Amino acid sequence: MGEVKTQTLAELAQGFVSSCQPIDNGPMDCPEIVAAMAKASILGGAVGLRIEGINNLKAVRAQTSVPIIGIVKRDLKDSPVRITPFVEDIAELASAGADIIAIDATDRDRPVPINRLVEAIKSHGCLAMADCSNLEEGLYAQSLGVDIIGSTLSGHVSQPTPEMPDLELVRALAQKGCFVMAEGRYHSPQLAAQAIQAGANCVTVGSAITRIEHICQWFDASVKQAKAKAAECLPA
């Protein structure tokens, strides 16, 4: 396990991870398209992938050998935790071919304690990743033996969600010796570079690569704002 961990982390540290997660029930939301997104991402330089859902993971695993971070998202009635909340999810992700399994590691009401989820991940021979919202959560996950600490949920446990990524959290985690995955609102190459400069070992990029709807909305809003400003400058 030690050699596998070292090799996997070394691979991730060479670049960025592409999160191939289409919008739920959108036109891109099918395993074949997710697998195509994954292959295109690798051709573009991604060294790893983050994939949600068992069927999507199976489709992608059949196409590539790069490290895959697997997750399952669930909308629970009695908990705000969405990312891989159950031990059964971990077993399915491991069986489907995940190299790394990410869990919500925030300090919120949850159906299964974080330590039990980490133990389950390790029992299946996978690396564990903790999606955190602050430094304390990251350090607790590190103390449990979690291999990768992500800034994934910073800004997502309360409202409003900031526009910019949490580089300070990345910096703080790196200073504590964590293997840091910068994730969350890295919408440009410049922001990804800033994450590395802040101490991240790797950066996960999602919407800016694989969510066409979001990308189009960004351009739509920018163009409309420019048109409105131009209209204000026209003579009455």
Protein backbone atom coordinates (compact mmCIF):
# COMPACT_ATOMS: atom_id res chain seq x y z
CA MET A 1 0.00 0.00 0.00
CA GLY A 2 2.87 2.37 0.82
CA GLU A 3 4.37 2.12 -2.65
CA VAL A 4 0.97 2.58 -4.30
CA LYS A 5 0.29 5.67 -2.20
CA THR A 6 3.67 7.19 -3.00
CA GLN A 7 3.27 6.54 -6.71
CA THR A 8 -0.29 7.87 -6.86
CA LEU A 9 0.54 11.05 -4.96
CA ALA A 10 3.62 11.56 -7.13
CA GLU A 11 1.46 11.30 -10.25
CA LEU A 12 -1.05 13.82 -8.93
CA ALA A 13 1.72 16.22 -7.94
CA GLN A 14 2.74 16.51 -11.59
CA GLY A 15 -0.27 18.59 -12.61
CA PHE A 16 -4.01 19.06 -12.24
CA VAL A 17 -7.11 16.91 -11.82
CA SER A 18 -10.11 17.32 -14.11
CA SER A 19 -13.43 16.95 -12.33
CA CYS A 20 -15.74 15.46 -14.95
CA GLN A 21 -19.10 16.06 -13.30
CA PRO A 22 -21.85 17.22 -15.64
CA ILE A 23 -24.89 19.04 -14.29
CA ASP A 24 -27.41 16.54 -12.94
CA ASN A 25 -29.98 15.55 -15.58
CA GLY A 26 -28.37 17.89 -18.10
CA PRO A 27 -27.67 16.96 -21.73
CA MET A 28 -24.11 15.85 -20.85
CA ASP A 29 -25.19 13.63 -17.97
CA CYS A 30 -24.52 10.11 -19.22
CA PRO A 31 -21.60 7.72 -18.68
CA GLU A 32 -20.47 7.73 -22.31
CA ILE A 33 -20.14 11.51 -22.35
CA VAL A 34 -18.42 11.58 -18.97
CA ALA A 35 -15.91 9.04 -20.29
CA ALA A 36 -15.35 11.21 -23.36
CA MET A 37 -14.81 14.26 -21.12
CA ALA A 38 -12.27 12.26 -19.14
CA LYS A 39 -10.35 11.14 -22.23
CA ALA A 40 -10.33 14.69 -23.62
CA SER A 41 -9.10 16.00 -20.25
CA ILE A 42 -6.19 13.56 -20.25
CA LEU A 43 -5.29 14.52 -23.81
CA GLY A 44 -5.23 18.11 -22.61
CA GLY A 45 -2.82 17.34 -19.77
CA ALA A 46 -4.88 16.23 -16.76
CA VAL A 47 -2.94 13.80 -14.56
CA GLY A 48 -5.99 12.61 -12.65
CA LEU A 49 -9.79 12.65 -12.69
CA ARG A 50 -12.58 13.22 -10.21
CA ILE A 51 -15.68 11.24 -11.12
CA GLU A 52 -19.10 11.12 -9.45
CA GLY A 53 -21.38 8.10 -9.61
CA ILE A 54 -20.77 4.38 -9.95
CA ASN A 55 -21.82 4.04 -13.60
CA ASN A 56 -19.75 7.05 -14.61
CA LEU A 57 -16.76 5.68 -12.75
CA LYS A 58 -17.03 2.29 -14.43
CA ALA A 59 -17.22 3.92 -17.86
CA VAL A 60 -14.17 6.10 -17.19
CA ARG A 61 -12.13 3.32 -15.56
CA ALA A 62 -12.52 1.23 -18.71
CA GLN A 63 -10.91 4.04 -20.72
CA THR A 64 -7.89 5.08 -18.64
CA SER A 65 -5.35 4.08 -16.02
CA VAL A 66 -4.72 7.55 -14.54
CA PRO A 67 -5.62 8.03 -10.86
CA ILE A 68 -9.35 8.48 -10.32
CA ILE A 69 -10.92 10.16 -7.31
CA GLY A 70 -14.33 8.55 -6.93
CA ILE A 71 -17.30 10.05 -5.12
CA VAL A 72 -21.02 9.46 -4.72
CA LYS A 73 -23.33 12.40 -4.07
CA ARG A 74 -26.54 11.97 -2.11
CA ASP A 75 -29.20 14.46 -1.02
CA LEU A 76 -30.09 13.35 2.49
CA LYS A 77 -33.12 14.53 4.43
CA ASP A 78 -31.43 14.51 7.83
CA SER A 79 -27.89 15.65 6.99
CA PRO A 80 -26.24 18.35 4.85
CA VAL A 81 -23.43 15.92 3.98
CA ARG A 82 -23.60 15.00 0.28
CA ILE A 83 -20.23 13.54 -0.70
CA THR A 84 -19.83 9.79 -0.08
CA PRO A 85 -21.79 9.69 3.19
CA PHE A 86 -22.08 5.89 3.61
CA VAL A 87 -19.72 2.95 4.02
CA GLU A 88 -21.71 1.16 1.30
CA ASP A 89 -20.83 3.97 -1.12
CA ILE A 90 -17.16 3.36 -0.45
CA ALA A 91 -17.45 -0.35 -1.19
CA GLU A 92 -19.17 0.38 -4.52
CA LEU A 93 -16.62 3.03 -5.53
CA ALA A 94 -13.73 0.70 -4.73
CA SER A 95 -15.34 -2.11 -6.73
CA ALA A 96 -15.90 0.25 -9.66
CA GLY A 97 -12.21 1.10 -9.85
CA ALA A 98 -11.54 4.23 -7.80
CA ASP A 99 -7.93 4.72 -6.74
CA ILE A 100 -8.87 7.47 -4.29
CA ILE A 101 -12.19 7.91 -2.51
CA ALA A 102 -13.21 11.37 -1.33
CA ILE A 103 -15.57 12.03 1.55
CA ASP A 104 -17.17 15.11 3.06
CA ALA A 105 -15.01 15.73 6.14
CA THR A 106 -16.82 18.81 7.44
CA ASP A 107 -17.83 19.13 11.06
CA ARG A 108 -21.57 18.73 10.49
CA ASP A 109 -24.27 16.24 11.40
CA ARG A 110 -23.63 13.09 9.41
CA PRO A 111 -24.97 9.55 9.11
CA VAL A 112 -21.53 7.92 9.58
CA PRO A 113 -18.53 9.27 11.54
CA ILE A 114 -15.53 10.40 9.52
CA ASN A 115 -13.19 7.89 11.15
CA ARG A 116 -15.42 4.97 10.12
CA LEU A 117 -15.44 6.18 6.52
CA VAL A 118 -11.66 6.53 6.48
CA GLU A 119 -11.27 3.03 7.92
CA ALA A 120 -13.56 1.65 5.22
CA ILE A 121 -11.57 3.36 2.46
CA LYS A 122 -8.31 1.95 3.79
CA SER A 123 -9.83 -1.52 4.12
CA HIS A 124 -10.46 -1.53 0.38
CA GLY A 125 -6.87 -0.56 -0.42
CA CYS A 126 -7.77 2.92 -1.68
CA LEU A 127 -6.31 6.28 -0.78
CA ALA A 128 -8.54 8.60 1.26
CA MET A 129 -9.30 12.22 0.42
CA ALA A 130 -11.06 14.61 2.81
CA ASP A 131 -13.17 17.41 1.34
CA CYS A 132 -12.88 20.11 4.01
CA SER A 133 -14.13 23.63 4.64
CA ASN A 134 -11.54 24.88 7.12
CA LEU A 135 -8.14 24.19 8.65
CA GLU A 136 -9.44 22.39 11.75
CA GLU A 137 -11.33 19.86 9.65
CA GLY A 138 -8.28 19.28 7.49
CA LEU A 139 -6.00 18.68 10.45
CA TYR A 140 -8.49 16.29 12.03
CA ALA A 141 -8.65 14.32 8.78
CA GLN A 142 -4.85 14.31 8.61
CA SER A 143 -4.73 12.88 12.15
CA LEU A 144 -6.95 10.00 10.96
CA GLY A 145 -4.43 9.09 8.26
CA VAL A 146 -6.22 10.71 5.33
CA ASP A 147 -3.84 10.91 2.38
CA ILE A 148 -5.14 14.01 0.57
CA ILE A 149 -6.69 17.08 2.16
CA GLY A 150 -8.89 19.12 -0.15
CA SER A 151 -10.14 22.69 0.23
CA THR A 152 -13.20 21.51 -1.71
CA LEU A 153 -15.94 22.63 0.64
CA SER A 154 -14.56 25.98 1.75
CA GLY A 155 -17.32 28.49 1.15
CA HIS A 156 -19.96 25.81 0.65
CA VAL A 157 -21.10 25.22 4.24
CA SER A 158 -22.65 28.66 4.61
CA GLN A 159 -24.06 31.41 2.40
CA PRO A 160 -23.17 33.27 0.36
CA THR A 161 -20.51 31.27 -1.48
CA PRO A 162 -17.48 33.49 -2.27
CA GLU A 163 -16.52 34.11 -5.87
CA MET A 164 -12.81 33.46 -5.32
CA PRO A 165 -11.09 30.28 -4.12
CA ASP A 166 -9.75 29.95 -0.57
CA LEU A 167 -6.03 30.34 -1.11
CA GLU A 168 -5.48 31.05 2.57
CA LEU A 169 -6.81 27.62 3.49
CA VAL A 170 -4.53 26.03 0.90
CA ARG A 171 -1.58 27.91 2.37
CA ALA A 172 -2.44 26.96 5.94
CA LEU A 173 -2.88 23.27 5.12
CA ALA A 174 0.41 23.19 3.23
CA GLN A 175 2.23 24.75 6.17
CA LYS A 176 0.95 21.92 8.36
CA GLY A 177 2.47 19.30 6.08
CA CYS A 178 -0.69 18.10 4.35
CA PHE A 179 -0.78 16.81 0.79
CA VAL A 180 -3.09 19.57 -0.41
CA MET A 181 -5.62 19.37 -3.22
CA ALA A 182 -6.77 22.89 -4.03
CA GLU A 183 -10.36 22.63 -5.16
CA GLY A 184 -13.33 24.94 -5.39
CA ARG A 185 -13.78 27.92 -7.75
CA TYR A 186 -10.51 27.55 -9.65
CA HIS A 187 -12.05 28.89 -12.84
CA SER A 188 -8.92 30.05 -14.67
CA PRO A 189 -5.34 28.93 -15.32
CA GLN A 190 -4.16 31.96 -13.36
CA LEU A 191 -6.07 30.91 -10.24
CA ALA A 192 -4.76 27.35 -10.56
CA ALA A 193 -1.22 28.72 -10.71
CA GLN A 194 -1.89 30.81 -7.58
CA ALA A 195 -2.94 27.64 -5.76
CA ILE A 196 0.38 25.99 -6.56
CA GLN A 197 2.22 29.12 -5.47
CA ALA A 198 0.26 28.98 -2.19
CA GLY A 199 1.57 25.47 -1.53
CA ALA A 200 -0.97 23.13 -3.13
CA ASN A 201 0.42 19.84 -4.41
CA CYS A 202 -2.30 19.60 -7.04
CA VAL A 203 -5.38 21.49 -8.24
CA THR A 204 -8.79 20.14 -9.20
CA VAL A 205 -10.65 22.06 -11.89
CA GLY A 206 -14.30 21.30 -12.61
CA SER A 207 -16.82 23.73 -14.02
CA ALA A 208 -14.29 25.65 -16.11
CA ILE A 209 -13.50 22.47 -18.04
CA THR A 210 -16.50 20.16 -18.02
CA ARG A 211 -19.67 22.15 -17.29
CA ILE A 212 -20.58 23.79 -20.57
CA GLU A 213 -23.70 25.35 -19.07
CA HIS A 214 -21.68 27.22 -16.45
CA ILE A 215 -19.05 28.37 -18.93
CA CYS A 216 -21.73 29.69 -21.26
CA GLN A 217 -23.41 31.50 -18.36
CA TRP A 218 -20.13 33.26 -17.54
CA PHE A 219 -19.75 34.47 -21.11
CA ASP A 220 -23.42 35.38 -21.35
CA ALA A 221 -23.27 37.51 -18.21
CA SER A 222 -20.05 39.23 -19.32
CA VAL A 223 -21.38 40.06 -22.79
CA LYS A 224 -24.66 41.38 -21.40
CA GLN A 225 -22.83 43.56 -18.88
CA ALA A 226 -20.64 44.98 -21.65
CA LYS A 227 -23.69 45.70 -23.80
CA ALA A 228 -25.42 47.46 -20.90
CA LYS A 229 -22.39 49.65 -20.26
CA ALA A 230 -22.12 50.47 -23.95
CA ALA A 231 -25.79 51.45 -24.03
CA GLU A 232 -25.23 53.82 -21.10
CA CYS A 233 -22.56 55.64 -23.09
CA LEU A 234 -24.77 56.26 -26.12
CA PRO A 235 -26.05 59.80 -26.55
CA ALA A 236 -29.64 60.33 -25.47
